[in-house]
Amino acid sequence: MHDQLHGRDRDLPRQRISVQSFEVLNAVAADGQVALEVSWSGTLPVPLGARPAGHVLRAHIATFLEFRDGKIAAQRNHDCYERLDPA
């Protein structure tokens, strides 16, 4: 299942990622809350440090959503980026 999630940009401005995708691997819902396990990847359009253009960055994300009146009232993300080995 593929889904788009929106959040804050961190160390990489959006223009530094040419293509990105989010895949929801697991979702659990209970009592107005949803927990998502998400896999993210983003492709560099230009070199970044020692990483060449075309390098794919990857992260594993846990997102927790709280709903009130059918709307998202709170969101917490915990991101774990894969290690960037020295090139």
C-alpha atoms as a PDB file:
ATOM      1  CA  MET A   1       0.000   0.000   0.000  1.00  0.00           C
ATOM      2  CA  HIS A   2       1.423   3.385  -0.989  1.00  0.00           C
ATOM      3  CA  ASP A   3       0.416   6.605   0.721  1.00  0.00           C
ATOM      4  CA  GLN A   4       1.670  10.181   0.800  1.00  0.00           C
ATOM      5  CA  LEU A   5       2.461  11.719   4.182  1.00  0.00           C
ATOM      6  CA  HIS A   6       3.349  15.364   4.658  1.00  0.00           C
ATOM      7  CA  GLY A   7       5.586  16.756   7.345  1.00  0.00           C
ATOM      8  CA  ARG A   8       8.388  19.130   8.113  1.00  0.00           C
ATOM      9  CA  ASP A   9      11.565  19.257   6.090  1.00  0.00           C
ATOM     10  CA  ARG A  10      14.629  18.549   8.184  1.00  0.00           C
ATOM     11  CA  ASP A  11      18.231  18.761   6.993  1.00  0.00           C
ATOM     12  CA  LEU A  12      17.384  18.340   3.305  1.00  0.00           C
ATOM     13  CA  PRO A  13      15.383  21.110   1.647  1.00  0.00           C
ATOM     14  CA  ARG A  14      12.674  19.782  -0.678  1.00  0.00           C
ATOM     15  CA  GLN A  15      14.575  20.970  -3.769  1.00  0.00           C
ATOM     16  CA  ARG A  16      17.374  18.552  -2.813  1.00  0.00           C
ATOM     17  CA  ILE A  17      15.095  15.555  -3.426  1.00  0.00           C
ATOM     18  CA  SER A  18      13.975  14.904  -7.014  1.00  0.00           C
ATOM     19  CA  VAL A  19      11.730  11.911  -6.346  1.00  0.00           C
ATOM     20  CA  GLN A  20      10.426  10.680  -3.029  1.00  0.00           C
ATOM     21  CA  SER A  21       8.070   7.901  -2.063  1.00  0.00           C
ATOM     22  CA  PHE A  22       6.363   6.740   1.090  1.00  0.00           C
ATOM     23  CA  GLU A  23       5.137   3.190   1.610  1.00  0.00           C
ATOM     24  CA  VAL A  24       2.869   2.398   4.548  1.00  0.00           C
ATOM     25  CA  LEU A  25       4.027  -1.016   5.764  1.00  0.00           C
ATOM     26  CA  ASN A  26       1.660  -1.355   8.715  1.00  0.00           C
ATOM     27  CA  ALA A  27      -1.210   0.559  10.308  1.00  0.00           C
ATOM     28  CA  VAL A  28      -2.928  -0.010  13.640  1.00  0.00           C
ATOM     29  CA  ALA A  29      -5.947   1.972  14.886  1.00  0.00           C
ATOM     30  CA  ALA A  30      -7.602   2.115  18.320  1.00  0.00           C
ATOM     31  CA  ASP A  31      -9.445   4.694  20.409  1.00  0.00           C
ATOM     32  CA  GLY A  32      -9.053   7.610  18.009  1.00  0.00           C
ATOM     33  CA  GLN A  33      -5.365   6.943  17.387  1.00  0.00           C
ATOM     34  CA  VAL A  34      -3.491   5.492  14.430  1.00  0.00           C
ATOM     35  CA  ALA A  35       0.081   4.189  14.390  1.00  0.00           C
ATOM     36  CA  LEU A  36       1.834   3.893  11.012  1.00  0.00           C
ATOM     37  CA  GLU A  37       5.033   2.110  10.074  1.00  0.00           C
ATOM     38  CA  VAL A  38       6.360   3.864   6.956  1.00  0.00           C
ATOM     39  CA  SER A  39       9.303   3.354   4.622  1.00  0.00           C
ATOM     40  CA  TRP A  40      10.603   6.524   2.880  1.00  0.00           C
ATOM     41  CA  SER A  41      13.069   6.949   0.028  1.00  0.00           C
ATOM     42  CA  GLY A  42      14.274  10.054  -1.744  1.00  0.00           C
ATOM     43  CA  THR A  43      16.567  10.447  -4.742  1.00  0.00           C
ATOM     44  CA  LEU A  44      19.186  13.200  -4.918  1.00  0.00           C
ATOM     45  CA  PRO A  45      18.941  15.205  -8.174  1.00  0.00           C
ATOM     46  CA  VAL A  46      22.387  16.742  -7.611  1.00  0.00           C
ATOM     47  CA  PRO A  47      25.448  15.644  -5.652  1.00  0.00           C
ATOM     48  CA  LEU A  48      25.264  16.223  -1.893  1.00  0.00           C
ATOM     49  CA  GLY A  49      28.636  16.016  -0.180  1.00  0.00           C
ATOM     50  CA  ALA A  50      30.187  12.712  -1.274  1.00  0.00           C
ATOM     51  CA  ARG A  51      26.812  11.384  -2.514  1.00  0.00           C
ATOM     52  CA  PRO A  52      26.397  11.506  -6.308  1.00  0.00           C
ATOM     53  CA  ALA A  53      23.262  12.614  -8.142  1.00  0.00           C
ATOM     54  CA  GLY A  54      20.892   9.645  -8.232  1.00  0.00           C
ATOM     55  CA  HIS A  55      21.862   8.415  -4.759  1.00  0.00           C
ATOM     56  CA  VAL A  56      18.814   7.107  -2.869  1.00  0.00           C
ATOM     57  CA  LEU A  57      18.364   8.096   0.772  1.00  0.00           C
ATOM     58  CA  ARG A  58      16.165   5.845   2.961  1.00  0.00           C
ATOM     59  CA  ALA A  59      14.393   6.207   6.288  1.00  0.00           C
ATOM     60  CA  HIS A  60      12.138   4.125   8.511  1.00  0.00           C
ATOM     61  CA  ILE A  61       9.370   6.191  10.102  1.00  0.00           C
ATOM     62  CA  ALA A  62       6.886   5.632  12.914  1.00  0.00           C
ATOM     63  CA  THR A  63       3.996   8.110  12.788  1.00  0.00           C
ATOM     64  CA  PHE A  64       1.385   8.440  15.515  1.00  0.00           C
ATOM     65  CA  LEU A  65      -1.842  10.314  14.723  1.00  0.00           C
ATOM     66  CA  GLU A  66      -4.526  11.406  17.184  1.00  0.00           C
ATOM     67  CA  PHE A  67      -7.998  12.162  15.798  1.00  0.00           C
ATOM     68  CA  ARG A  68     -10.715  14.434  17.200  1.00  0.00           C
ATOM     69  CA  ASP A  69     -14.007  15.082  15.413  1.00  0.00           C
ATOM     70  CA  GLY A  70     -12.765  13.181  12.356  1.00  0.00           C
ATOM     71  CA  LYS A  71      -9.664  15.369  11.939  1.00  0.00           C
ATOM     72  CA  ILE A  72      -6.015  14.915  12.823  1.00  0.00           C
ATOM     73  CA  ALA A  73      -5.497  16.766  16.111  1.00  0.00           C
ATOM     74  CA  ALA A  74      -1.878  15.750  16.746  1.00  0.00           C
ATOM     75  CA  GLN A  75       0.952  14.023  14.918  1.00  0.00           C
ATOM     76  CA  ARG A  76       4.258  12.656  16.210  1.00  0.00           C
ATOM     77  CA  ASN A  77       6.969  11.266  13.918  1.00  0.00           C
ATOM     78  CA  HIS A  78      10.014   9.247  14.831  1.00  0.00           C
ATOM     79  CA  ASP A  79      12.423   9.008  11.888  1.00  0.00           C
ATOM     80  CA  CYS A  80      15.390   6.665  11.583  1.00  0.00           C
ATOM     81  CA  TYR A  81      17.560   7.386   8.532  1.00  0.00           C
ATOM     82  CA  GLU A  82      19.770   4.653   7.172  1.00  0.00           C
ATOM     83  CA  ARG A  83      23.453   5.212   7.816  1.00  0.00           C
ATOM     84  CA  LEU A  84      25.400   7.138   5.220  1.00  0.00           C
ATOM     85  CA  ASP A  85      28.591   5.136   4.867  1.00  0.00           C
ATOM     86  CA  PRO A  86      31.648   7.138   3.787  1.00  0.00           C
ATOM     87  CA  ALA A  87      31.800   7.200  -0.003  1.00  0.00           C
END
